[in-house]
PDB file of N, CA and C in Angstrom:
ATOM      1  N   MET A   1    -173.382 -72.340 -66.561  1.00  0.00           N
ATOM      2  CA  MET A   1    -172.929 -71.349 -65.564  1.00  0.00           C
ATOM      3  C   MET A   1    -173.807 -70.079 -65.806  1.00  0.00           C
ATOM      4  N   ASN A   2    -174.493 -69.735 -64.796  1.00  0.00           N
ATOM      5  CA  ASN A   2    -175.414 -68.564 -64.885  1.00  0.00           C
ATOM      6  C   ASN A   2    -174.624 -67.266 -64.628  1.00  0.00           C
ATOM      7  N   ASN A   3    -175.323 -66.130 -64.810  1.00  0.00           N
ATOM      8  CA  ASN A   3    -174.698 -64.830 -64.613  1.00  0.00           C
ATOM      9  C   ASN A   3    -174.194 -64.597 -63.205  1.00  0.00           C
ATOM     10  N   ILE A   4    -174.917 -65.146 -62.219  1.00  0.00           N
ATOM     11  CA  ILE A   4    -174.504 -65.028 -60.822  1.00  0.00           C
ATOM     12  C   ILE A   4    -173.140 -65.739 -60.592  1.00  0.00           C
ATOM     13  N   GLU A   5    -173.071 -66.927 -61.132  1.00  0.00           N
ATOM     14  CA  GLU A   5    -171.818 -67.697 -60.998  1.00  0.00           C
ATOM     15  C   GLU A   5    -170.682 -67.029 -61.764  1.00  0.00           C
ATOM     16  N   LYS A   6    -170.978 -66.506 -62.946  1.00  0.00           N
ATOM     17  CA  LYS A   6    -169.896 -65.837 -63.696  1.00  0.00           C
ATOM     18  C   LYS A   6    -169.436 -64.548 -62.896  1.00  0.00           C
ATOM     19  N   GLY A   7    -170.440 -63.874 -62.333  1.00  0.00           N
ATOM     20  CA  GLY A   7    -170.057 -62.672 -61.548  1.00  0.00           C
ATOM     21  C   GLY A   7    -169.212 -63.021 -60.350  1.00  0.00           C
ATOM     22  N   ALA A   8    -169.523 -64.103 -59.652  1.00  0.00           N
ATOM     23  CA  ALA A   8    -168.712 -64.523 -58.521  1.00  0.00           C
ATOM     24  C   ALA A   8    -167.307 -64.959 -58.957  1.00  0.00           C
ATOM     25  N   PHE A   9    -167.235 -65.579 -60.090  1.00  0.00           N
ATOM     26  CA  PHE A   9    -165.893 -66.002 -60.594  1.00  0.00           C
ATOM     27  C   PHE A   9    -165.081 -64.731 -60.896  1.00  0.00           C
ATOM     28  N   LEU A  10    -165.668 -63.779 -61.580  1.00  0.00           N
ATOM     29  CA  LEU A  10    -164.916 -62.622 -61.959  1.00  0.00           C
ATOM     30  C   LEU A  10    -164.561 -61.724 -60.709  1.00  0.00           C
ATOM     31  N   ARG A  11    -165.440 -61.623 -59.745  1.00  0.00           N
ATOM     32  CA  ARG A  11    -165.143 -60.898 -58.563  1.00  0.00           C
ATOM     33  C   ARG A  11    -164.004 -61.590 -57.757  1.00  0.00           C
ATOM     34  N   LEU A  12    -163.949 -62.876 -57.794  1.00  0.00           N
ATOM     35  CA  LEU A  12    -162.912 -63.644 -57.128  1.00  0.00           C
ATOM     36  C   LEU A  12    -161.520 -63.453 -57.730  1.00  0.00           C
ATOM     37  N   PHE A  13    -161.508 -63.550 -59.049  1.00  0.00           N
ATOM     38  CA  PHE A  13    -160.232 -63.512 -59.774  1.00  0.00           C
ATOM     39  C   PHE A  13    -159.779 -62.186 -60.333  1.00  0.00           C
ATOM     40  N   ASN A  14    -160.716 -61.267 -60.630  1.00  0.00           N
ATOM     41  CA  ASN A  14    -160.397 -59.992 -61.215  1.00  0.00           C
ATOM     42  C   ASN A  14    -160.499 -58.917 -60.116  1.00  0.00           C
ATOM     43  N   ARG A  15    -159.326 -58.439 -59.741  1.00  0.00           N
ATOM     44  CA  ARG A  15    -159.272 -57.390 -58.652  1.00  0.00           C
ATOM     45  C   ARG A  15    -158.674 -56.123 -59.322  1.00  0.00           C
ATOM     46  N   ASN A  16    -159.686 -55.321 -59.822  1.00  0.00           N
ATOM     47  CA  ASN A  16    -159.307 -53.987 -60.454  1.00  0.00           C
ATOM     48  C   ASN A  16    -158.296 -54.153 -61.536  1.00  0.00           C
ATOM     49  N   GLY A  17    -158.452 -55.160 -62.416  1.00  0.00           N
ATOM     50  CA  GLY A  17    -157.615 -55.376 -63.525  1.00  0.00           C
ATOM     51  C   GLY A  17    -156.500 -56.351 -63.295  1.00  0.00           C
ATOM     52  N   TYR A  18    -156.256 -56.632 -61.984  1.00  0.00           N
ATOM     53  CA  TYR A  18    -155.234 -57.672 -61.639  1.00  0.00           C
ATOM     54  C   TYR A  18    -155.978 -59.064 -61.547  1.00  0.00           C
ATOM     55  N   VAL A  19    -155.303 -60.066 -62.024  1.00  0.00           N
ATOM     56  CA  VAL A  19    -155.848 -61.432 -61.989  1.00  0.00           C
ATOM     57  C   VAL A  19    -154.813 -62.214 -61.190  1.00  0.00           C
ATOM     58  N   LEU A  20    -155.221 -62.592 -59.983  1.00  0.00           N
ATOM     59  CA  LEU A  20    -154.375 -63.348 -59.107  1.00  0.00           C
ATOM     60  C   LEU A  20    -152.973 -62.660 -59.039  1.00  0.00           C
ATOM     61  N   ASN A  21    -151.916 -63.397 -59.216  1.00  0.00           N
ATOM     62  CA  ASN A  21    -150.591 -62.808 -59.161  1.00  0.00           C
ATOM     63  C   ASN A  21    -149.921 -62.893 -60.527  1.00  0.00           C
ATOM     64  N   PHE A  22    -150.693 -62.961 -61.580  1.00  0.00           N
ATOM     65  CA  PHE A  22    -150.183 -63.137 -62.963  1.00  0.00           C
ATOM     66  C   PHE A  22    -149.589 -61.862 -63.490  1.00  0.00           C
ATOM     67  N   SER A  23    -148.451 -61.952 -64.160  1.00  0.00           N
ATOM     68  CA  SER A  23    -147.980 -60.853 -65.004  1.00  0.00           C
ATOM     69  C   SER A  23    -148.779 -61.039 -66.293  1.00  0.00           C
ATOM     70  N   THR A  24    -148.729 -60.011 -67.164  1.00  0.00           N
ATOM     71  CA  THR A  24    -149.468 -60.086 -68.403  1.00  0.00           C
ATOM     72  C   THR A  24    -148.975 -61.296 -69.198  1.00  0.00           C
ATOM     73  N   ASN A  25    -147.675 -61.487 -69.315  1.00  0.00           N
ATOM     74  CA  ASN A  25    -147.132 -62.652 -70.110  1.00  0.00           C
ATOM     75  C   ASN A  25    -147.471 -63.941 -69.479  1.00  0.00           C
ATOM     76  N   ASP A  26    -147.490 -64.036 -68.165  1.00  0.00           N
ATOM     77  CA  ASP A  26    -147.872 -65.316 -67.521  1.00  0.00           C
ATOM     78  C   ASP A  26    -149.342 -65.600 -67.715  1.00  0.00           C
ATOM     79  N   PHE A  27    -150.163 -64.537 -67.649  1.00  0.00           N
ATOM     80  CA  PHE A  27    -151.607 -64.697 -67.868  1.00  0.00           C
ATOM     81  C   PHE A  27    -151.910 -65.154 -69.289  1.00  0.00           C
ATOM     82  N   ASN A  28    -151.200 -64.572 -70.273  1.00  0.00           N
ATOM     83  CA  ASN A  28    -151.376 -64.950 -71.632  1.00  0.00           C
ATOM     84  C   ASN A  28    -150.961 -66.398 -71.815  1.00  0.00           C
ATOM     85  N   SER A  29    -149.892 -66.813 -71.199  1.00  0.00           N
ATOM     86  CA  SER A  29    -149.406 -68.212 -71.345  1.00  0.00           C
ATOM     87  C   SER A  29    -150.423 -69.137 -70.712  1.00  0.00           C
ATOM     88  N   PHE A  30    -150.966 -68.808 -69.524  1.00  0.00           N
ATOM     89  CA  PHE A  30    -151.867 -69.637 -68.832  1.00  0.00           C
ATOM     90  C   PHE A  30    -153.145 -69.798 -69.615  1.00  0.00           C
ATOM     91  N   THR A  31    -153.679 -68.715 -70.115  1.00  0.00           N
ATOM     92  CA  THR A  31    -154.936 -68.772 -70.898  1.00  0.00           C
ATOM     93  C   THR A  31    -154.718 -69.488 -72.273  1.00  0.00           C
ATOM     94  N   LEU A  32    -153.579 -69.286 -72.858  1.00  0.00           N
ATOM     95  CA  LEU A  32    -153.267 -69.976 -74.087  1.00  0.00           C
ATOM     96  C   LEU A  32    -153.290 -71.528 -73.802  1.00  0.00           C
ATOM     97  N   GLU A  33    -152.618 -71.922 -72.764  1.00  0.00           N
ATOM     98  CA  GLU A  33    -152.558 -73.360 -72.432  1.00  0.00           C
ATOM     99  C   GLU A  33    -153.954 -73.914 -72.036  1.00  0.00           C
ATOM    100  N   SER A  34    -154.738 -73.067 -71.325  1.00  0.00           N
ATOM    101  CA  SER A  34    -156.042 -73.531 -70.799  1.00  0.00           C
ATOM    102  C   SER A  34    -157.124 -73.554 -71.798  1.00  0.00           C
ATOM    103  N   VAL A  35    -157.253 -72.438 -72.612  1.00  0.00           N
ATOM    104  CA  VAL A  35    -158.368 -72.376 -73.546  1.00  0.00           C
ATOM    105  C   VAL A  35    -157.947 -72.088 -74.976  1.00  0.00           C
ATOM    106  N   GLY A  36    -156.648 -72.060 -75.275  1.00  0.00           N
ATOM    107  CA  GLY A  36    -156.145 -71.876 -76.566  1.00  0.00           C
ATOM    108  C   GLY A  36    -156.115 -70.446 -77.072  1.00  0.00           C
ATOM    109  N   VAL A  37    -156.289 -69.500 -76.169  1.00  0.00           N
ATOM    110  CA  VAL A  37    -156.281 -68.096 -76.574  1.00  0.00           C
ATOM    111  C   VAL A  37    -155.523 -67.260 -75.533  1.00  0.00           C
ATOM    112  N   PRO A  38    -154.524 -66.484 -75.943  1.00  0.00           N
ATOM    113  CA  PRO A  38    -153.893 -65.570 -75.059  1.00  0.00           C
ATOM    114  C   PRO A  38    -154.743 -64.363 -74.913  1.00  0.00           C
ATOM    115  N   LEU A  39    -155.487 -64.231 -73.787  1.00  0.00           N
ATOM    116  CA  LEU A  39    -156.589 -63.227 -73.687  1.00  0.00           C
ATOM    117  C   LEU A  39    -156.162 -61.795 -73.806  1.00  0.00           C
ATOM    118  N   CYS A  40    -155.116 -61.424 -73.200  1.00  0.00           N
ATOM    119  CA  CYS A  40    -154.699 -59.994 -73.267  1.00  0.00           C
ATOM    120  C   CYS A  40    -154.297 -59.635 -74.708  1.00  0.00           C
ATOM    121  N   GLN A  41    -153.635 -60.573 -75.368  1.00  0.00           N
ATOM    122  CA  GLN A  41    -153.201 -60.354 -76.735  1.00  0.00           C
ATOM    123  C   GLN A  41    -154.447 -60.266 -77.632  1.00  0.00           C
ATOM    124  N   LYS A  42    -155.443 -61.126 -77.420  1.00  0.00           N
ATOM    125  CA  LYS A  42    -156.624 -61.103 -78.258  1.00  0.00           C
ATOM    126  C   LYS A  42    -157.428 -59.810 -78.080  1.00  0.00           C
ATOM    127  N   TYR A  43    -157.629 -59.421 -76.883  1.00  0.00           N
ATOM    128  CA  TYR A  43    -158.545 -58.315 -76.575  1.00  0.00           C
ATOM    129  C   TYR A  43    -157.811 -56.962 -76.500  1.00  0.00           C
ATOM    130  N   GLY A  44    -156.533 -56.993 -76.297  1.00  0.00           N
ATOM    131  CA  GLY A  44    -155.729 -55.748 -76.163  1.00  0.00           C
ATOM    132  C   GLY A  44    -156.095 -54.941 -74.915  1.00  0.00           C
ATOM    133  N   LEU A  45    -156.547 -55.615 -73.877  1.00  0.00           N
ATOM    134  CA  LEU A  45    -156.999 -54.975 -72.667  1.00  0.00           C
ATOM    135  C   LEU A  45    -156.206 -55.469 -71.452  1.00  0.00           C
ATOM    136  N   SER A  46    -156.477 -54.920 -70.292  1.00  0.00           N
ATOM    137  CA  SER A  46    -155.807 -55.408 -69.050  1.00  0.00           C
ATOM    138  C   SER A  46    -156.195 -56.847 -68.858  1.00  0.00           C
ATOM    139  N   LYS A  47    -155.543 -57.500 -67.923  1.00  0.00           N
ATOM    140  CA  LYS A  47    -155.848 -58.885 -67.601  1.00  0.00           C
ATOM    141  C   LYS A  47    -157.323 -59.021 -67.146  1.00  0.00           C
ATOM    142  N   GLY A  48    -157.702 -58.161 -66.220  1.00  0.00           N
ATOM    143  CA  GLY A  48    -159.071 -58.274 -65.738  1.00  0.00           C
ATOM    144  C   GLY A  48    -160.117 -57.960 -66.814  1.00  0.00           C
ATOM    145  N   ALA A  49    -159.917 -56.912 -67.593  1.00  0.00           N
ATOM    146  CA  ALA A  49    -160.834 -56.600 -68.639  1.00  0.00           C
ATOM    147  C   ALA A  49    -160.862 -57.640 -69.719  1.00  0.00           C
ATOM    148  N   SER A  50    -159.729 -58.225 -70.037  1.00  0.00           N
ATOM    149  CA  SER A  50    -159.663 -59.357 -71.006  1.00  0.00           C
ATOM    150  C   SER A  50    -160.437 -60.539 -70.469  1.00  0.00           C
ATOM    151  N   LEU A  51    -160.272 -60.850 -69.210  1.00  0.00           N
ATOM    152  CA  LEU A  51    -160.974 -61.976 -68.624  1.00  0.00           C
ATOM    153  C   LEU A  51    -162.472 -61.726 -68.631  1.00  0.00           C
ATOM    154  N   THR A  52    -162.887 -60.542 -68.327  1.00  0.00           N
ATOM    155  CA  THR A  52    -164.340 -60.204 -68.341  1.00  0.00           C
ATOM    156  C   THR A  52    -164.889 -60.299 -69.764  1.00  0.00           C
ATOM    157  N   ALA A  53    -164.158 -59.759 -70.742  1.00  0.00           N
ATOM    158  CA  ALA A  53    -164.581 -59.798 -72.139  1.00  0.00           C
ATOM    159  C   ALA A  53    -164.677 -61.256 -72.612  1.00  0.00           C
ATOM    160  N   TYR A  54    -163.748 -62.074 -72.242  1.00  0.00           N
ATOM    161  CA  TYR A  54    -163.763 -63.467 -72.625  1.00  0.00           C
ATOM    162  C   TYR A  54    -164.979 -64.195 -72.066  1.00  0.00           C
ATOM    163  N   CYS A  55    -165.196 -63.969 -70.739  1.00  0.00           N
ATOM    164  CA  CYS A  55    -166.335 -64.581 -70.052  1.00  0.00           C
ATOM    165  C   CYS A  55    -167.715 -64.188 -70.591  1.00  0.00           C
ATOM    166  N   SER A  56    -167.755 -62.986 -71.168  1.00  0.00           N
ATOM    167  CA  SER A  56    -169.016 -62.568 -71.754  1.00  0.00           C
ATOM    168  C   SER A  56    -169.378 -63.244 -73.042  1.00  0.00           C
ATOM    169  N   GLU A  57    -168.390 -63.817 -73.722  1.00  0.00           N
ATOM    170  CA  GLU A  57    -168.647 -64.428 -75.044  1.00  0.00           C
ATOM    171  C   GLU A  57    -168.334 -65.973 -75.105  1.00  0.00           C
ATOM    172  N   ALA A  58    -167.601 -66.473 -74.119  1.00  0.00           N
ATOM    173  CA  ALA A  58    -167.161 -67.872 -74.092  1.00  0.00           C
ATOM    174  C   ALA A  58    -168.309 -68.744 -73.618  1.00  0.00           C
ATOM    175  N   SER A  59    -168.197 -70.031 -74.066  1.00  0.00           N
ATOM    176  CA  SER A  59    -169.159 -71.025 -73.564  1.00  0.00           C
ATOM    177  C   SER A  59    -168.848 -71.362 -72.113  1.00  0.00           C
ATOM    178  N   GLU A  60    -169.825 -71.974 -71.441  1.00  0.00           N
ATOM    179  CA  GLU A  60    -169.610 -72.405 -70.099  1.00  0.00           C
ATOM    180  C   GLU A  60    -168.435 -73.352 -69.953  1.00  0.00           C
ATOM    181  N   THR A  61    -168.309 -74.274 -70.928  1.00  0.00           N
ATOM    182  CA  THR A  61    -167.231 -75.231 -70.914  1.00  0.00           C
ATOM    183  C   THR A  61    -165.858 -74.535 -70.953  1.00  0.00           C
ATOM    184  N   GLU A  62    -165.748 -73.518 -71.822  1.00  0.00           N
ATOM    185  CA  GLU A  62    -164.478 -72.795 -71.949  1.00  0.00           C
ATOM    186  C   GLU A  62    -164.163 -72.018 -70.650  1.00  0.00           C
ATOM    187  N   ILE A  63    -165.176 -71.453 -70.053  1.00  0.00           N
ATOM    188  CA  ILE A  63    -164.917 -70.677 -68.794  1.00  0.00           C
ATOM    189  C   ILE A  63    -164.482 -71.640 -67.680  1.00  0.00           C
ATOM    190  N   ILE A  64    -165.083 -72.765 -67.611  1.00  0.00           N
ATOM    191  CA  ILE A  64    -164.735 -73.782 -66.627  1.00  0.00           C
ATOM    192  C   ILE A  64    -163.327 -74.256 -66.790  1.00  0.00           C
ATOM    193  N   LYS A  65    -162.792 -74.304 -68.041  1.00  0.00           N
ATOM    194  CA  LYS A  65    -161.402 -74.672 -68.273  1.00  0.00           C
ATOM    195  C   LYS A  65    -160.416 -73.716 -67.594  1.00  0.00           C
ATOM    196  N   LEU A  66    -160.835 -72.487 -67.431  1.00  0.00           N
ATOM    197  CA  LEU A  66    -159.990 -71.542 -66.680  1.00  0.00           C
ATOM    198  C   LEU A  66    -159.933 -71.804 -65.172  1.00  0.00           C
ATOM    199  N   ILE A  67    -161.000 -72.363 -64.662  1.00  0.00           N
ATOM    200  CA  ILE A  67    -161.148 -72.619 -63.235  1.00  0.00           C
ATOM    201  C   ILE A  67    -160.545 -73.963 -62.827  1.00  0.00           C
ATOM    202  N   VAL A  68    -160.822 -74.946 -63.618  1.00  0.00           N
ATOM    203  CA  VAL A  68    -160.421 -76.303 -63.285  1.00  0.00           C
ATOM    204  C   VAL A  68    -159.361 -76.736 -64.274  1.00  0.00           C
ATOM    205  N   PRO A  69    -158.100 -76.915 -63.788  1.00  0.00           N
ATOM    206  CA  PRO A  69    -157.009 -77.257 -64.692  1.00  0.00           C
ATOM    207  C   PRO A  69    -157.189 -78.688 -65.247  1.00  0.00           C
TER     208      PRO A  69
END
């Protein structure tokens, strides 16, 4: 996954800190189930900022796990 693809993914799912229709608890549950890490809890940031931080350091395989259930 190149930087253009990551950027498109983040623009699609991260809307000014909101990620889809997730509450923070639901987002943490989803990411824990998907990639084994509750992102907001790990990073201590908003959903959008946590997703961006994760995507900047995660492998392509891990990022894809968020997109494809």
